[in-house]
Amino acid sequence: MKTRTIRLAAIVSVTLALLFLAGAQGLRWFLERADERNLERLAALQAIVDRAEREQGGAVVGSHLVDLAGRPVYELTLRLPDGRMRRLRYDLASGEPVPEPPLEE
């Protein structure tokens, strides 16, 4: 608990220092860029969801962004028409499916 409080205090201190140094203009620029990145990711996710539903014939019921060896990948949970669930991975940058790694024996 104590390390968590210290870590939080450090994050707040660094944030305040950056605000002081960068000023309101710097903060506005940072927030605008963050919004642009989020919009790009949302657009990519929508395209990936559409593709997965079209190709697999089911409905996406969940998604989250994961780091796969330094590569951002959306992991989707798809409910198939017969009720089974399937997990799929799609590369964020290309929108292409990411093959499942082979099972180790």
Protein backbone atom coordinates (compact mmCIF):
# COMPACT_ATOMS: atom_id res chain seq x y z
CA MET A 1 0.00 0.00 0.00
CA LYS A 2 2.86 2.35 0.86
CA THR A 3 4.64 1.76 -2.47
CA ARG A 4 1.38 2.37 -4.30
CA THR A 5 0.97 5.72 -2.53
CA ILE A 6 4.57 6.66 -3.35
CA ARG A 7 4.09 5.64 -6.98
CA LEU A 8 0.90 7.68 -7.24
CA ALA A 9 2.62 10.70 -5.68
CA ALA A 10 5.46 10.35 -8.19
CA ILE A 11 3.05 10.20 -11.13
CA VAL A 12 1.19 13.29 -9.89
CA SER A 13 4.48 15.14 -9.37
CA VAL A 14 5.75 14.34 -12.84
CA THR A 15 2.41 15.31 -14.38
CA LEU A 16 2.41 18.65 -12.55
CA ALA A 17 6.01 19.30 -13.59
CA LEU A 18 5.15 18.59 -17.23
CA LEU A 19 2.14 20.87 -17.02
CA PHE A 20 4.32 23.62 -15.61
CA LEU A 21 6.97 23.15 -18.29
CA ALA A 22 4.68 22.62 -21.25
CA GLY A 23 1.94 25.00 -20.21
CA ALA A 24 -1.62 24.89 -21.45
CA GLN A 25 -0.59 24.84 -25.12
CA GLY A 26 1.51 21.74 -24.63
CA LEU A 27 -1.26 20.00 -22.73
CA ARG A 28 -3.81 20.89 -25.42
CA TRP A 29 -1.48 19.55 -28.13
CA PHE A 30 -0.96 16.30 -26.20
CA LEU A 31 -4.70 15.80 -25.64
CA GLU A 32 -5.50 16.47 -29.31
CA ARG A 33 -2.93 13.88 -30.41
CA ALA A 34 -4.29 11.37 -27.90
CA ASP A 35 -7.82 11.91 -29.26
CA GLU A 36 -6.59 11.37 -32.82
CA ARG A 37 -4.90 8.10 -31.84
CA ASN A 38 -8.05 6.90 -30.07
CA LEU A 39 -10.21 7.74 -33.09
CA GLU A 40 -7.80 5.88 -35.39
CA ARG A 41 -7.90 2.83 -33.12
CA LEU A 42 -11.69 2.93 -32.93
CA ALA A 43 -11.96 3.11 -36.72
CA ALA A 44 -9.53 0.18 -37.05
CA LEU A 45 -11.49 -1.82 -34.46
CA GLN A 46 -14.78 -1.21 -36.29
CA ALA A 47 -13.26 -2.41 -39.57
CA ILE A 48 -11.83 -5.49 -37.84
CA VAL A 49 -15.15 -6.31 -36.14
CA ASP A 50 -17.01 -5.95 -39.45
CA ARG A 51 -14.53 -8.23 -41.17
CA ALA A 52 -14.61 -10.88 -38.43
CA GLU A 53 -18.42 -10.98 -38.36
CA ARG A 54 -18.63 -11.12 -42.15
CA GLU A 55 -16.01 -13.84 -42.57
CA GLN A 56 -16.95 -15.98 -39.55
CA GLY A 57 -20.73 -15.52 -39.65
CA GLY A 58 -21.06 -14.72 -35.96
CA ALA A 59 -21.29 -11.72 -33.66
CA VAL A 60 -18.40 -10.10 -31.79
CA VAL A 61 -19.26 -10.00 -28.10
CA GLY A 62 -15.96 -8.70 -26.74
CA SER A 63 -12.64 -7.19 -27.70
CA HIS A 64 -9.48 -5.88 -26.16
CA LEU A 65 -6.13 -4.59 -27.35
CA VAL A 66 -3.12 -6.73 -26.44
CA ASP A 67 0.60 -6.51 -27.07
CA LEU A 68 1.82 -9.52 -29.01
CA ALA A 69 5.62 -9.42 -29.14
CA GLY A 70 5.62 -5.63 -29.45
CA ARG A 71 2.79 -5.58 -31.98
CA PRO A 72 -0.65 -4.18 -31.09
CA VAL A 73 -3.29 -6.82 -31.76
CA TYR A 74 -7.05 -6.83 -31.16
CA GLU A 75 -8.27 -10.02 -29.56
CA LEU A 76 -11.95 -10.59 -30.36
CA THR A 77 -14.43 -12.96 -28.78
CA LEU A 78 -16.94 -14.12 -31.38
CA ARG A 79 -20.20 -15.97 -30.76
CA LEU A 80 -20.79 -18.32 -33.69
CA PRO A 81 -24.32 -19.04 -34.99
CA ASP A 82 -24.32 -22.45 -33.28
CA GLY A 83 -23.60 -20.80 -29.90
CA ARG A 84 -19.93 -21.73 -29.64
CA MET A 85 -17.42 -19.04 -28.74
CA ARG A 86 -14.25 -18.41 -30.72
CA ARG A 87 -11.27 -16.18 -30.02
CA LEU A 88 -9.66 -14.38 -32.97
CA ARG A 89 -6.70 -12.02 -33.25
CA TYR A 90 -6.27 -9.22 -35.76
CA ASP A 91 -3.27 -6.94 -36.30
CA LEU A 92 -4.16 -3.33 -35.48
CA ALA A 93 -2.02 -1.77 -38.22
CA SER A 94 -3.00 -4.01 -41.14
CA GLY A 95 -6.36 -5.40 -40.02
CA GLU A 96 -5.16 -8.85 -41.05
CA PRO A 97 -5.82 -11.99 -38.98
CA VAL A 98 -2.95 -13.12 -36.77
CA PRO A 99 -2.49 -16.89 -36.90
CA GLU A 100 -2.68 -18.79 -33.65
CA PRO A 101 0.68 -20.08 -32.45
CA PRO A 102 1.13 -23.85 -32.84
CA LEU A 103 0.33 -25.90 -29.75
CA GLU A 104 3.39 -27.26 -28.01
CA GLU A 105 3.36 -30.93 -27.15
